[in-house]
Amino acid sequence: MNILLVDSSVQHLNRLVKALKMNSLSINVMVAMTASEAYEFLAMQSYDLIVSDINLPDESGVSLVRHVKSNYPGTKAIIYANTDKETLVFLKRQTGLKCFEKPTEFDKMIGFIFKTKAKN
């Protein structure tokens, strides 16, 4: 399974990579700290899943995942954001994506990723 993580926080990226690699050797993880980097990675390789924060330095993560949904229909997307529950519910309705609150729903999101992996 190929996963692209997009977050401007090195701390969050490191935690995600560690959790994913520790629990599965069959997961390939790439990291991007901006939407621009994510677009470059998407142009070079296909991904099964993209996990993105909504607050990126150069573009909204919501815009990024909309681009992924439109241009890479085989790629699933998750929003992982440090925001309130109401905003996450709104984003879920607006995008139709799974949304997880950072950092409180970390374990829940990791579990969802592994369930998604098992289905592939």
PDB file of N, CA and C in Angstrom:
ATOM      1  N   MET A   1       0.849  -1.176   0.000  1.00  0.00           N
ATOM      2  CA  MET A   1       0.000   0.000   0.000  1.00  0.00           C
ATOM      3  C   MET A   1       0.893   1.237   0.000  1.00  0.00           C
ATOM      4  N   ASN A   2       0.631   2.167  -0.904  1.00  0.00           N
ATOM      5  CA  ASN A   2       1.365   3.429  -0.986  1.00  0.00           C
ATOM      6  C   ASN A   2       0.537   4.540  -0.353  1.00  0.00           C
ATOM      7  N   ILE A   3       1.131   5.225   0.614  1.00  0.00           N
ATOM      8  CA  ILE A   3       0.443   6.296   1.334  1.00  0.00           C
ATOM      9  C   ILE A   3       1.255   7.578   1.215  1.00  0.00           C
ATOM     10  N   LEU A   4       0.554   8.676   0.943  1.00  0.00           N
ATOM     11  CA  LEU A   4       1.164  10.004   0.930  1.00  0.00           C
ATOM     12  C   LEU A   4       0.615  10.790   2.113  1.00  0.00           C
ATOM     13  N   LEU A   5       1.505  11.217   3.008  1.00  0.00           N
ATOM     14  CA  LEU A   5       1.132  12.029   4.162  1.00  0.00           C
ATOM     15  C   LEU A   5       1.480  13.477   3.865  1.00  0.00           C
ATOM     16  N   VAL A   6       0.529  14.379   4.099  1.00  0.00           N
ATOM     17  CA  VAL A   6       0.757  15.796   3.810  1.00  0.00           C
ATOM     18  C   VAL A   6       0.440  16.607   5.061  1.00  0.00           C
ATOM     19  N   ASP A   7       1.474  17.194   5.641  1.00  0.00           N
ATOM     20  CA  ASP A   7       1.317  17.972   6.869  1.00  0.00           C
ATOM     21  C   ASP A   7       2.543  18.861   7.012  1.00  0.00           C
ATOM     22  N   SER A   8       2.359  20.083   7.456  1.00  0.00           N
ATOM     23  CA  SER A   8       3.499  20.986   7.631  1.00  0.00           C
ATOM     24  C   SER A   8       4.194  20.773   8.971  1.00  0.00           C
ATOM     25  N   SER A   9       3.646  19.924   9.818  1.00  0.00           N
ATOM     26  CA  SER A   9       4.238  19.642  11.125  1.00  0.00           C
ATOM     27  C   SER A   9       5.130  18.402  11.055  1.00  0.00           C
ATOM     28  N   VAL A  10       6.416  18.603  11.252  1.00  0.00           N
ATOM     29  CA  VAL A  10       7.361  17.485  11.251  1.00  0.00           C
ATOM     30  C   VAL A  10       7.010  16.505  12.369  1.00  0.00           C
ATOM     31  N   GLN A  11       6.595  17.030  13.503  1.00  0.00           N
ATOM     32  CA  GLN A  11       6.229  16.181  14.641  1.00  0.00           C
ATOM     33  C   GLN A  11       5.086  15.233  14.274  1.00  0.00           C
ATOM     34  N   HIS A  12       4.049  15.747  13.653  1.00  0.00           N
ATOM     35  CA  HIS A  12       2.913  14.899  13.269  1.00  0.00           C
ATOM     36  C   HIS A  12       3.307  13.906  12.180  1.00  0.00           C
ATOM     37  N   LEU A  13       4.087  14.355  11.214  1.00  0.00           N
ATOM     38  CA  LEU A  13       4.543  13.448  10.156  1.00  0.00           C
ATOM     39  C   LEU A  13       5.363  12.302  10.735  1.00  0.00           C
ATOM     40  N   ASN A  14       6.296  12.620  11.633  1.00  0.00           N
ATOM     41  CA  ASN A  14       7.129  11.578  12.236  1.00  0.00           C
ATOM     42  C   ASN A  14       6.297  10.575  13.019  1.00  0.00           C
ATOM     43  N   ARG A  15       5.317  11.068  13.759  1.00  0.00           N
ATOM     44  CA  ARG A  15       4.455  10.172  14.539  1.00  0.00           C
ATOM     45  C   ARG A  15       3.665   9.246  13.619  1.00  0.00           C
ATOM     46  N   LEU A  16       3.123   9.800  12.546  1.00  0.00           N
ATOM     47  CA  LEU A  16       2.363   8.983  11.592  1.00  0.00           C
ATOM     48  C   LEU A  16       3.244   7.934  10.919  1.00  0.00           C
ATOM     49  N   VAL A  17       4.401   8.351  10.438  1.00  0.00           N
ATOM     50  CA  VAL A  17       5.309   7.415   9.763  1.00  0.00           C
ATOM     51  C   VAL A  17       5.700   6.295  10.711  1.00  0.00           C
ATOM     52  N   LYS A  18       6.052   6.642  11.932  1.00  0.00           N
ATOM     53  CA  LYS A  18       6.459   5.637  12.920  1.00  0.00           C
ATOM     54  C   LYS A  18       5.339   4.633  13.169  1.00  0.00           C
ATOM     55  N   ALA A  19       4.123   5.114  13.362  1.00  0.00           N
ATOM     56  CA  ALA A  19       2.991   4.214  13.627  1.00  0.00           C
ATOM     57  C   ALA A  19       2.703   3.307  12.439  1.00  0.00           C
ATOM     58  N   LEU A  20       2.768   3.846  11.242  1.00  0.00           N
ATOM     59  CA  LEU A  20       2.476   3.047  10.049  1.00  0.00           C
ATOM     60  C   LEU A  20       3.564   2.017   9.780  1.00  0.00           C
ATOM     61  N   LYS A  21       4.823   2.417   9.909  1.00  0.00           N
ATOM     62  CA  LYS A  21       5.941   1.505   9.637  1.00  0.00           C
ATOM     63  C   LYS A  21       6.064   0.431  10.723  1.00  0.00           C
ATOM     64  N   MET A  22       5.764   0.798  11.958  1.00  0.00           N
ATOM     65  CA  MET A  22       5.893  -0.132  13.070  1.00  0.00           C
ATOM     66  C   MET A  22       4.885  -1.274  12.951  1.00  0.00           C
ATOM     67  N   ASN A  23       3.742  -0.980  12.387  1.00  0.00           N
ATOM     68  CA  ASN A  23       2.667  -1.963  12.330  1.00  0.00           C
ATOM     69  C   ASN A  23       2.572  -2.722  11.018  1.00  0.00           C
ATOM     70  N   SER A  24       3.341  -2.331  10.013  1.00  0.00           N
ATOM     71  CA  SER A  24       3.243  -3.030   8.737  1.00  0.00           C
ATOM     72  C   SER A  24       4.471  -2.779   7.873  1.00  0.00           C
ATOM     73  N   LEU A  25       5.051  -3.854   7.405  1.00  0.00           N
ATOM     74  CA  LEU A  25       6.188  -3.731   6.497  1.00  0.00           C
ATOM     75  C   LEU A  25       5.740  -3.508   5.058  1.00  0.00           C
ATOM     76  N   SER A  26       4.470  -3.752   4.787  1.00  0.00           N
ATOM     77  CA  SER A  26       3.984  -3.644   3.408  1.00  0.00           C
ATOM     78  C   SER A  26       3.356  -2.284   3.100  1.00  0.00           C
ATOM     79  N   ILE A  27       3.696  -1.281   3.894  1.00  0.00           N
ATOM     80  CA  ILE A  27       3.217   0.077   3.643  1.00  0.00           C
ATOM     81  C   ILE A  27       4.406   0.941   3.241  1.00  0.00           C
ATOM     82  N   ASN A  28       4.286   1.583   2.085  1.00  0.00           N
ATOM     83  CA  ASN A  28       5.288   2.546   1.622  1.00  0.00           C
ATOM     84  C   ASN A  28       4.748   3.938   1.897  1.00  0.00           C
ATOM     85  N   VAL A  29       5.515   4.739   2.615  1.00  0.00           N
ATOM     86  CA  VAL A  29       5.056   6.063   3.019  1.00  0.00           C
ATOM     87  C   VAL A  29       5.955   7.139   2.416  1.00  0.00           C
ATOM     88  N   MET A  30       5.320   8.129   1.810  1.00  0.00           N
ATOM     89  CA  MET A  30       6.014   9.337   1.355  1.00  0.00           C
ATOM     90  C   MET A  30       5.422  10.500   2.145  1.00  0.00           C
ATOM     91  N   VAL A  31       6.247  11.512   2.392  1.00  0.00           N
ATOM     92  CA  VAL A  31       5.762  12.670   3.136  1.00  0.00           C
ATOM     93  C   VAL A  31       5.979  13.945   2.334  1.00  0.00           C
ATOM     94  N   ALA A  32       5.008  14.829   2.440  1.00  0.00           N
ATOM     95  CA  ALA A  32       5.081  16.153   1.819  1.00  0.00           C
ATOM     96  C   ALA A  32       4.669  17.169   2.875  1.00  0.00           C
ATOM     97  N   MET A  33       5.344  18.302   2.884  1.00  0.00           N
ATOM     98  CA  MET A  33       5.025  19.333   3.866  1.00  0.00           C
ATOM     99  C   MET A  33       4.183  20.462   3.284  1.00  0.00           C
ATOM    100  N   THR A  34       3.962  20.418   1.972  1.00  0.00           N
ATOM    101  CA  THR A  34       3.140  21.424   1.304  1.00  0.00           C
ATOM    102  C   THR A  34       2.275  20.737   0.248  1.00  0.00           C
ATOM    103  N   ALA A  35       1.259  21.434  -0.191  1.00  0.00           N
ATOM    104  CA  ALA A  35       0.427  20.905  -1.277  1.00  0.00           C
ATOM    105  C   ALA A  35       1.248  20.789  -2.557  1.00  0.00           C
ATOM    106  N   SER A  36       2.133  21.750  -2.794  1.00  0.00           N
ATOM    107  CA  SER A  36       2.977  21.703  -4.000  1.00  0.00           C
ATOM    108  C   SER A  36       3.822  20.439  -4.041  1.00  0.00           C
ATOM    109  N   GLU A  37       4.422  20.081  -2.911  1.00  0.00           N
ATOM    110  CA  GLU A  37       5.197  18.837  -2.846  1.00  0.00           C
ATOM    111  C   GLU A  37       4.290  17.636  -3.097  1.00  0.00           C
ATOM    112  N   ALA A  38       3.096  17.669  -2.530  1.00  0.00           N
ATOM    113  CA  ALA A  38       2.149  16.564  -2.722  1.00  0.00           C
ATOM    114  C   ALA A  38       1.802  16.398  -4.197  1.00  0.00           C
ATOM    115  N   TYR A  39       1.558  17.509  -4.892  1.00  0.00           N
ATOM    116  CA  TYR A  39       1.250  17.429  -6.324  1.00  0.00           C
ATOM    117  C   TYR A  39       2.413  16.812  -7.102  1.00  0.00           C
ATOM    118  N   GLU A  40       3.639  17.152  -6.718  1.00  0.00           N
ATOM    119  CA  GLU A  40       4.811  16.566  -7.381  1.00  0.00           C
ATOM    120  C   GLU A  40       4.859  15.056  -7.170  1.00  0.00           C
ATOM    121  N   PHE A  41       4.628  14.611  -5.941  1.00  0.00           N
ATOM    122  CA  PHE A  41       4.624  13.172  -5.654  1.00  0.00           C
ATOM    123  C   PHE A  41       3.497  12.467  -6.406  1.00  0.00           C
ATOM    124  N   LEU A  42       2.327  13.088  -6.449  1.00  0.00           N
ATOM    125  CA  LEU A  42       1.181  12.485  -7.144  1.00  0.00           C
ATOM    126  C   LEU A  42       1.448  12.336  -8.638  1.00  0.00           C
ATOM    127  N   ALA A  43       2.205  13.252  -9.208  1.00  0.00           N
ATOM    128  CA  ALA A  43       2.524  13.188 -10.635  1.00  0.00           C
ATOM    129  C   ALA A  43       3.522  12.076 -10.949  1.00  0.00           C
ATOM    130  N   MET A  44       4.313  11.676  -9.955  1.00  0.00           N
ATOM    131  CA  MET A  44       5.364  10.682 -10.176  1.00  0.00           C
ATOM    132  C   MET A  44       4.954   9.248  -9.846  1.00  0.00           C
ATOM    133  N   GLN A  45       3.964   9.085  -8.978  1.00  0.00           N
ATOM    134  CA  GLN A  45       3.630   7.750  -8.481  1.00  0.00           C
ATOM    135  C   GLN A  45       2.159   7.702  -8.101  1.00  0.00           C
ATOM    136  N   SER A  46       1.579   6.515  -8.169  1.00  0.00           N
ATOM    137  CA  SER A  46       0.190   6.373  -7.728  1.00  0.00           C
ATOM    138  C   SER A  46       0.165   6.023  -6.240  1.00  0.00           C
ATOM    139  N   TYR A  47      -0.870   6.487  -5.573  1.00  0.00           N
ATOM    140  CA  TYR A  47      -1.038   6.258  -4.137  1.00  0.00           C
ATOM    141  C   TYR A  47      -2.402   5.641  -3.885  1.00  0.00           C
ATOM    142  N   ASP A  48      -2.438   4.751  -2.919  1.00  0.00           N
ATOM    143  CA  ASP A  48      -3.701   4.154  -2.502  1.00  0.00           C
ATOM    144  C   ASP A  48      -4.452   5.094  -1.571  1.00  0.00           C
ATOM    145  N   LEU A  49      -3.689   5.893  -0.815  1.00  0.00           N
ATOM    146  CA  LEU A  49      -4.287   6.747   0.202  1.00  0.00           C
ATOM    147  C   LEU A  49      -3.445   8.001   0.388  1.00  0.00           C
ATOM    148  N   ILE A  50      -4.142   9.134   0.566  1.00  0.00           N
ATOM    149  CA  ILE A  50      -3.484  10.377   0.948  1.00  0.00           C
ATOM    150  C   ILE A  50      -4.118  10.836   2.256  1.00  0.00           C
ATOM    151  N   VAL A  51      -3.272  11.205   3.205  1.00  0.00           N
ATOM    152  CA  VAL A  51      -3.720  11.730   4.496  1.00  0.00           C
ATOM    153  C   VAL A  51      -3.220  13.161   4.567  1.00  0.00           C
ATOM    154  N   SER A  52      -4.148  14.120   4.684  1.00  0.00           N
ATOM    155  CA  SER A  52      -3.746  15.520   4.641  1.00  0.00           C
ATOM    156  C   SER A  52      -4.339  16.334   5.780  1.00  0.00           C
ATOM    157  N   ASP A  53      -3.515  17.221   6.305  1.00  0.00           N
ATOM    158  CA  ASP A  53      -3.978  18.259   7.213  1.00  0.00           C
ATOM    159  C   ASP A  53      -4.728  19.283   6.357  1.00  0.00           C
ATOM    160  N   ILE A  54      -5.562  20.102   6.975  1.00  0.00           N
ATOM    161  CA  ILE A  54      -6.256  21.129   6.191  1.00  0.00           C
ATOM    162  C   ILE A  54      -5.464  22.430   6.137  1.00  0.00           C
ATOM    163  N   ASN A  55      -4.574  22.628   7.108  1.00  0.00           N
ATOM    164  CA  ASN A  55      -3.793  23.865   7.170  1.00  0.00           C
ATOM    165  C   ASN A  55      -2.389  23.629   6.630  1.00  0.00           C
ATOM    166  N   LEU A  56      -2.233  23.850   5.341  1.00  0.00           N
ATOM    167  CA  LEU A  56      -0.929  23.719   4.701  1.00  0.00           C
ATOM    168  C   LEU A  56      -0.421  25.116   4.368  1.00  0.00           C
ATOM    169  N   PRO A  57       0.895  25.306   4.286  1.00  0.00           N
ATOM    170  CA  PRO A  57       1.423  26.658   4.076  1.00  0.00           C
ATOM    171  C   PRO A  57       1.077  27.292   2.735  1.00  0.00           C
ATOM    172  N   ASP A  58       0.875  26.475   1.704  1.00  0.00           N
ATOM    173  CA  ASP A  58       0.679  27.060   0.375  1.00  0.00           C
ATOM    174  C   ASP A  58      -0.724  26.899  -0.195  1.00  0.00           C
ATOM    175  N   GLU A  59      -1.523  26.046   0.411  1.00  0.00           N
ATOM    176  CA  GLU A  59      -2.865  25.782  -0.121  1.00  0.00           C
ATOM    177  C   GLU A  59      -3.661  25.020   0.933  1.00  0.00           C
ATOM    178  N   SER A  60      -4.944  25.131   0.878  1.00  0.00           N
ATOM    179  CA  SER A  60      -5.792  24.381   1.800  1.00  0.00           C
ATOM    180  C   SER A  60      -5.704  22.885   1.513  1.00  0.00           C
ATOM    181  N   GLY A  61      -5.623  22.093   2.568  1.00  0.00           N
ATOM    182  CA  GLY A  61      -5.646  20.642   2.403  1.00  0.00           C
ATOM    183  C   GLY A  61      -6.956  20.165   1.801  1.00  0.00           C
ATOM    184  N   VAL A  62      -8.031  20.907   2.032  1.00  0.00           N
ATOM    185  CA  VAL A  62      -9.328  20.558   1.438  1.00  0.00           C
ATOM    186  C   VAL A  62      -9.241  20.679  -0.077  1.00  0.00           C
ATOM    187  N   SER A  63      -8.611  21.736  -0.556  1.00  0.00           N
ATOM    188  CA  SER A  63      -8.415  21.909  -1.998  1.00  0.00           C
ATOM    189  C   SER A  63      -7.566  20.778  -2.566  1.00  0.00           C
ATOM    190  N   LEU A  64      -6.540  20.393  -1.831  1.00  0.00           N
ATOM    191  CA  LEU A  64      -5.678  19.292  -2.261  1.00  0.00           C
ATOM    192  C   LEU A  64      -6.468  17.992  -2.389  1.00  0.00           C
ATOM    193  N   VAL A  65      -7.258  17.647  -1.376  1.00  0.00           N
ATOM    194  CA  VAL A  65      -7.991  16.374  -1.452  1.00  0.00           C
ATOM    195  C   VAL A  65      -9.092  16.422  -2.508  1.00  0.00           C
ATOM    196  N   ARG A  66      -9.651  17.588  -2.745  1.00  0.00           N
ATOM    197  CA  ARG A  66     -10.617  17.706  -3.855  1.00  0.00           C
ATOM    198  C   ARG A  66      -9.931  17.425  -5.190  1.00  0.00           C
ATOM    199  N   HIS A  67      -8.732  17.946  -5.352  1.00  0.00           N
ATOM    200  CA  HIS A  67      -7.948  17.685  -6.562  1.00  0.00           C
ATOM    201  C   HIS A  67      -7.677  16.187  -6.696  1.00  0.00           C
ATOM    202  N   VAL A  68      -7.319  15.551  -5.605  1.00  0.00           N
ATOM    203  CA  VAL A  68      -7.049  14.107  -5.620  1.00  0.00           C
ATOM    204  C   VAL A  68      -8.302  13.342  -6.016  1.00  0.00           C
ATOM    205  N   LYS A  69      -9.438  13.689  -5.416  1.00  0.00           N
ATOM    206  CA  LYS A  69     -10.692  12.994  -5.744  1.00  0.00           C
ATOM    207  C   LYS A  69     -11.054  13.153  -7.218  1.00  0.00           C
ATOM    208  N   SER A  70     -10.809  14.332  -7.771  1.00  0.00           N
ATOM    209  CA  SER A  70     -11.159  14.596  -9.170  1.00  0.00           C
ATOM    210  C   SER A  70     -10.196  13.971 -10.164  1.00  0.00           C
ATOM    211  N   ASN A  71      -8.920  13.967  -9.835  1.00  0.00           N
ATOM    212  CA  ASN A  71      -7.897  13.559 -10.797  1.00  0.00           C
ATOM    213  C   ASN A  71      -7.294  12.179 -10.568  1.00  0.00           C
ATOM    214  N   TYR A  72      -7.497  11.631  -9.396  1.00  0.00           N
ATOM    215  CA  TYR A  72      -6.952  10.310  -9.062  1.00  0.00           C
ATOM    216  C   TYR A  72      -8.057   9.485  -8.400  1.00  0.00           C
ATOM    217  N   PRO A  73      -9.045   9.054  -9.174  1.00  0.00           N
ATOM    218  CA  PRO A  73     -10.220   8.397  -8.592  1.00  0.00           C
ATOM    219  C   PRO A  73      -9.906   7.120  -7.812  1.00  0.00           C
ATOM    220  N   GLY A  74      -8.780   6.490  -8.062  1.00  0.00           N
ATOM    221  CA  GLY A  74      -8.420   5.283  -7.326  1.00  0.00           C
ATOM    222  C   GLY A  74      -7.751   5.558  -5.993  1.00  0.00           C
ATOM    223  N   THR A  75      -7.490   6.824  -5.710  1.00  0.00           N
ATOM    224  CA  THR A  75      -6.811   7.199  -4.468  1.00  0.00           C
ATOM    225  C   THR A  75      -7.831   7.651  -3.433  1.00  0.00           C
ATOM    226  N   LYS A  76      -7.814   6.995  -2.282  1.00  0.00           N
ATOM    227  CA  LYS A  76      -8.674   7.414  -1.172  1.00  0.00           C
ATOM    228  C   LYS A  76      -7.992   8.569  -0.444  1.00  0.00           C
ATOM    229  N   ALA A  77      -8.778   9.356   0.280  1.00  0.00           N
ATOM    230  CA  ALA A  77      -8.215  10.492   1.015  1.00  0.00           C
ATOM    231  C   ALA A  77      -8.837  10.587   2.399  1.00  0.00           C
ATOM    232  N   ILE A  78      -8.029  11.043   3.331  1.00  0.00           N
ATOM    233  CA  ILE A  78      -8.444  11.269   4.715  1.00  0.00           C
ATOM    234  C   ILE A  78      -7.986  12.668   5.101  1.00  0.00           C
ATOM    235  N   ILE A  79      -8.826  13.358   5.862  1.00  0.00           N
ATOM    236  CA  ILE A  79      -8.439  14.643   6.435  1.00  0.00           C
ATOM    237  C   ILE A  79      -8.127  14.415   7.911  1.00  0.00           C
ATOM    238  N   TYR A  80      -6.961  14.911   8.339  1.00  0.00           N
ATOM    239  CA  TYR A  80      -6.501  14.802   9.719  1.00  0.00           C
ATOM    240  C   TYR A  80      -6.154  16.215  10.156  1.00  0.00           C
ATOM    241  N   ALA A  81      -7.012  16.829  10.980  1.00  0.00           N
ATOM    242  CA  ALA A  81      -6.865  18.262  11.220  1.00  0.00           C
ATOM    243  C   ALA A  81      -6.986  18.638  12.688  1.00  0.00           C
ATOM    244  N   ASN A  82      -6.254  19.662  13.039  1.00  0.00           N
ATOM    245  CA  ASN A  82      -6.299  20.218  14.382  1.00  0.00           C
ATOM    246  C   ASN A  82      -7.353  21.321  14.391  1.00  0.00           C
ATOM    247  N   THR A  83      -8.594  20.907  14.540  1.00  0.00           N
ATOM    248  CA  THR A  83      -9.712  21.844  14.510  1.00  0.00           C
ATOM    249  C   THR A  83     -10.837  21.293  15.378  1.00  0.00           C
ATOM    250  N   ASP A  84     -11.889  22.054  15.526  1.00  0.00           N
ATOM    251  CA  ASP A  84     -12.986  21.614  16.387  1.00  0.00           C
ATOM    252  C   ASP A  84     -13.879  20.597  15.673  1.00  0.00           C
ATOM    253  N   LYS A  85     -14.680  19.894  16.476  1.00  0.00           N
ATOM    254  CA  LYS A  85     -15.555  18.833  15.951  1.00  0.00           C
ATOM    255  C   LYS A  85     -16.542  19.368  14.914  1.00  0.00           C
ATOM    256  N   GLU A  86     -17.079  20.561  15.148  1.00  0.00           N
ATOM    257  CA  GLU A  86     -18.060  21.123  14.223  1.00  0.00           C
ATOM    258  C   GLU A  86     -17.455  21.320  12.834  1.00  0.00           C
ATOM    259  N   THR A  87     -16.226  21.803  12.795  1.00  0.00           N
ATOM    260  CA  THR A  87     -15.553  21.993  11.507  1.00  0.00           C
ATOM    261  C   THR A  87     -15.320  20.661  10.821  1.00  0.00           C
ATOM    262  N   LEU A  88     -14.935  19.643  11.600  1.00  0.00           N
ATOM    263  CA  LEU A  88     -14.724  18.314  11.013  1.00  0.00           C
ATOM    264  C   LEU A  88     -16.019  17.736  10.449  1.00  0.00           C
ATOM    265  N   VAL A  89     -17.118  17.918  11.164  1.00  0.00           N
ATOM    266  CA  VAL A  89     -18.416  17.441  10.668  1.00  0.00           C
ATOM    267  C   VAL A  89     -18.769  18.170   9.377  1.00  0.00           C
ATOM    268  N   PHE A  90     -18.542  19.483   9.347  1.00  0.00           N
ATOM    269  CA  PHE A  90     -18.791  20.265   8.139  1.00  0.00           C
ATOM    270  C   PHE A  90     -17.926  19.765   6.983  1.00  0.00           C
ATOM    271  N   LEU A  91     -16.630  19.541   7.247  1.00  0.00           N
ATOM    272  CA  LEU A  91     -15.723  19.055   6.199  1.00  0.00           C
ATOM    273  C   LEU A  91     -16.144  17.684   5.690  1.00  0.00           C
ATOM    274  N   LYS A  92     -16.571  16.832   6.596  1.00  0.00           N
ATOM    275  CA  LYS A  92     -17.019  15.494   6.195  1.00  0.00           C
ATOM    276  C   LYS A  92     -18.221  15.602   5.262  1.00  0.00           C
ATOM    277  N   ARG A  93     -19.163  16.462   5.612  1.00  0.00           N
ATOM    278  CA  ARG A  93     -20.349  16.657   4.755  1.00  0.00           C
ATOM    279  C   ARG A  93     -19.967  17.282   3.418  1.00  0.00           C
ATOM    280  N   GLN A  94     -19.060  18.241   3.462  1.00  0.00           N
ATOM    281  CA  GLN A  94     -18.662  18.975   2.258  1.00  0.00           C
ATOM    282  C   GLN A  94     -17.856  18.104   1.296  1.00  0.00           C
ATOM    283  N   THR A  95     -16.984  17.254   1.836  1.00  0.00           N
ATOM    284  CA  THR A  95     -16.069  16.492   0.988  1.00  0.00           C
ATOM    285  C   THR A  95     -16.449  15.024   0.834  1.00  0.00           C
ATOM    286  N   GLY A  96     -17.241  14.506   1.762  1.00  0.00           N
ATOM    287  CA  GLY A  96     -17.561  13.081   1.746  1.00  0.00           C
ATOM    288  C   GLY A  96     -16.415  12.208   2.210  1.00  0.00           C
ATOM    289  N   LEU A  97     -15.417  12.811   2.842  1.00  0.00           N
ATOM    290  CA  LEU A  97     -14.232  12.077   3.281  1.00  0.00           C
ATOM    291  C   LEU A  97     -14.287  11.745   4.759  1.00  0.00           C
ATOM    292  N   LYS A  98     -13.488  10.773   5.149  1.00  0.00           N
ATOM    293  CA  LYS A  98     -13.270  10.498   6.561  1.00  0.00           C
ATOM    294  C   LYS A  98     -12.436  11.644   7.107  1.00  0.00           C
ATOM    295  N   CYS A  99     -12.837  12.174   8.258  1.00  0.00           N
ATOM    296  CA  CYS A  99     -12.117  13.270   8.890  1.00  0.00           C
ATOM    297  C   CYS A  99     -11.811  12.894  10.336  1.00  0.00           C
ATOM    298  N   PHE A 100     -10.578  13.115  10.749  1.00  0.00           N
ATOM    299  CA  PHE A 100     -10.147  12.783  12.099  1.00  0.00           C
ATOM    300  C   PHE A 100      -9.532  14.011  12.750  1.00  0.00           C
ATOM    301  N   GLU A 101      -9.808  14.152  14.056  1.00  0.00           N
ATOM    302  CA  GLU A 101      -9.291  15.292  14.811  1.00  0.00           C
ATOM    303  C   GLU A 101      -7.866  15.013  15.288  1.00  0.00           C
ATOM    304  N   LYS A 102      -7.002  15.964  15.022  1.00  0.00           N
ATOM    305  CA  LYS A 102      -5.597  15.868  15.414  1.00  0.00           C
ATOM    306  C   LYS A 102      -5.440  16.505  16.783  1.00  0.00           C
ATOM    307  N   PRO A 103      -4.763  15.956  17.725  1.00  0.00           N
ATOM    308  CA  PRO A 103      -4.162  14.630  17.777  1.00  0.00           C
ATOM    309  C   PRO A 103      -5.039  13.593  18.473  1.00  0.00           C
ATOM    310  N   THR A 104      -6.232  13.998  18.929  1.00  0.00           N
ATOM    311  CA  THR A 104      -7.026  13.117  19.796  1.00  0.00           C
ATOM    312  C   THR A 104      -7.530  11.849  19.110  1.00  0.00           C
ATOM    313  N   GLU A 105      -7.707  11.871  17.795  1.00  0.00           N
ATOM    314  CA  GLU A 105      -8.215  10.688  17.094  1.00  0.00           C
ATOM    315  C   GLU A 105      -7.118   9.964  16.304  1.00  0.00           C
ATOM    316  N   PHE A 106      -5.885  10.115  16.750  1.00  0.00           N
ATOM    317  CA  PHE A 106      -4.745   9.498  16.070  1.00  0.00           C
ATOM    318  C   PHE A 106      -4.913   7.982  15.961  1.00  0.00           C
ATOM    319  N   ASP A 107      -5.159   7.323  17.082  1.00  0.00           N
ATOM    320  CA  ASP A 107      -5.284   5.859  17.076  1.00  0.00           C
ATOM    321  C   ASP A 107      -6.463   5.398  16.222  1.00  0.00           C
ATOM    322  N   LYS A 108      -7.545   6.144  16.287  1.00  0.00           N
ATOM    323  CA  LYS A 108      -8.724   5.822  15.473  1.00  0.00           C
ATOM    324  C   LYS A 108      -8.385   5.912  13.980  1.00  0.00           C
ATOM    325  N   MET A 109      -7.632   6.946  13.607  1.00  0.00           N
ATOM    326  CA  MET A 109      -7.253   7.109  12.206  1.00  0.00           C
ATOM    327  C   MET A 109      -6.301   6.000  11.758  1.00  0.00           C
ATOM    328  N   ILE A 110      -5.320   5.659  12.589  1.00  0.00           N
ATOM    329  CA  ILE A 110      -4.388   4.580  12.248  1.00  0.00           C
ATOM    330  C   ILE A 110      -5.165   3.280  12.058  1.00  0.00           C
ATOM    331  N   GLY A 111      -6.127   3.013  12.932  1.00  0.00           N
ATOM    332  CA  GLY A 111      -6.970   1.825  12.784  1.00  0.00           C
ATOM    333  C   GLY A 111      -7.728   1.832  11.470  1.00  0.00           C
ATOM    334  N   PHE A 112      -8.262   2.989  11.090  1.00  0.00           N
ATOM    335  CA  PHE A 112      -8.982   3.104   9.818  1.00  0.00           C
ATOM    336  C   PHE A 112      -8.054   2.838   8.640  1.00  0.00           C
ATOM    337  N   ILE A 113      -6.832   3.343   8.714  1.00  0.00           N
ATOM    338  CA  ILE A 113      -5.865   3.114   7.632  1.00  0.00           C
ATOM    339  C   ILE A 113      -5.587   1.624   7.478  1.00  0.00           C
ATOM    340  N   PHE A 114      -5.406   0.924   8.584  1.00  0.00           N
ATOM    341  CA  PHE A 114      -5.124  -0.508   8.488  1.00  0.00           C
ATOM    342  C   PHE A 114      -6.340  -1.305   8.009  1.00  0.00           C
ATOM    343  N   LYS A 115      -7.540  -0.854   8.351  1.00  0.00           N
ATOM    344  CA  LYS A 115      -8.747  -1.501   7.805  1.00  0.00           C
ATOM    345  C   LYS A 115      -8.819  -1.280   6.298  1.00  0.00           C
ATOM    346  N   THR A 116      -8.492  -0.074   5.860  1.00  0.00           N
ATOM    347  CA  THR A 116      -8.467   0.237   4.430  1.00  0.00           C
ATOM    348  C   THR A 116      -7.430  -0.623   3.725  1.00  0.00           C
ATOM    349  N   LYS A 117      -6.280  -0.789   4.337  1.00  0.00           N
ATOM    350  CA  LYS A 117      -5.211  -1.618   3.773  1.00  0.00           C
ATOM    351  C   LYS A 117      -5.678  -3.063   3.628  1.00  0.00           C
ATOM    352  N   ALA A 118      -6.378  -3.565   4.627  1.00  0.00           N
ATOM    353  CA  ALA A 118      -6.848  -4.952   4.595  1.00  0.00           C
ATOM    354  C   ALA A 118      -7.836  -5.187   3.455  1.00  0.00           C
ATOM    355  N   LYS A 119      -8.588  -4.147   3.083  1.00  0.00           N
ATOM    356  CA  LYS A 119      -9.562  -4.269   1.990  1.00  0.00           C
ATOM    357  C   LYS A 119      -8.895  -4.269   0.624  1.00  0.00           C
ATOM    358  N   ASN A 120      -7.689  -3.704   0.520  1.00  0.00           N
ATOM    359  CA  ASN A 120      -6.990  -3.614  -0.781  1.00  0.00           C
ATOM    360  C   ASN A 120      -6.378  -4.923  -1.177  1.00  0.00           C
TER     361      ASN A 120
END
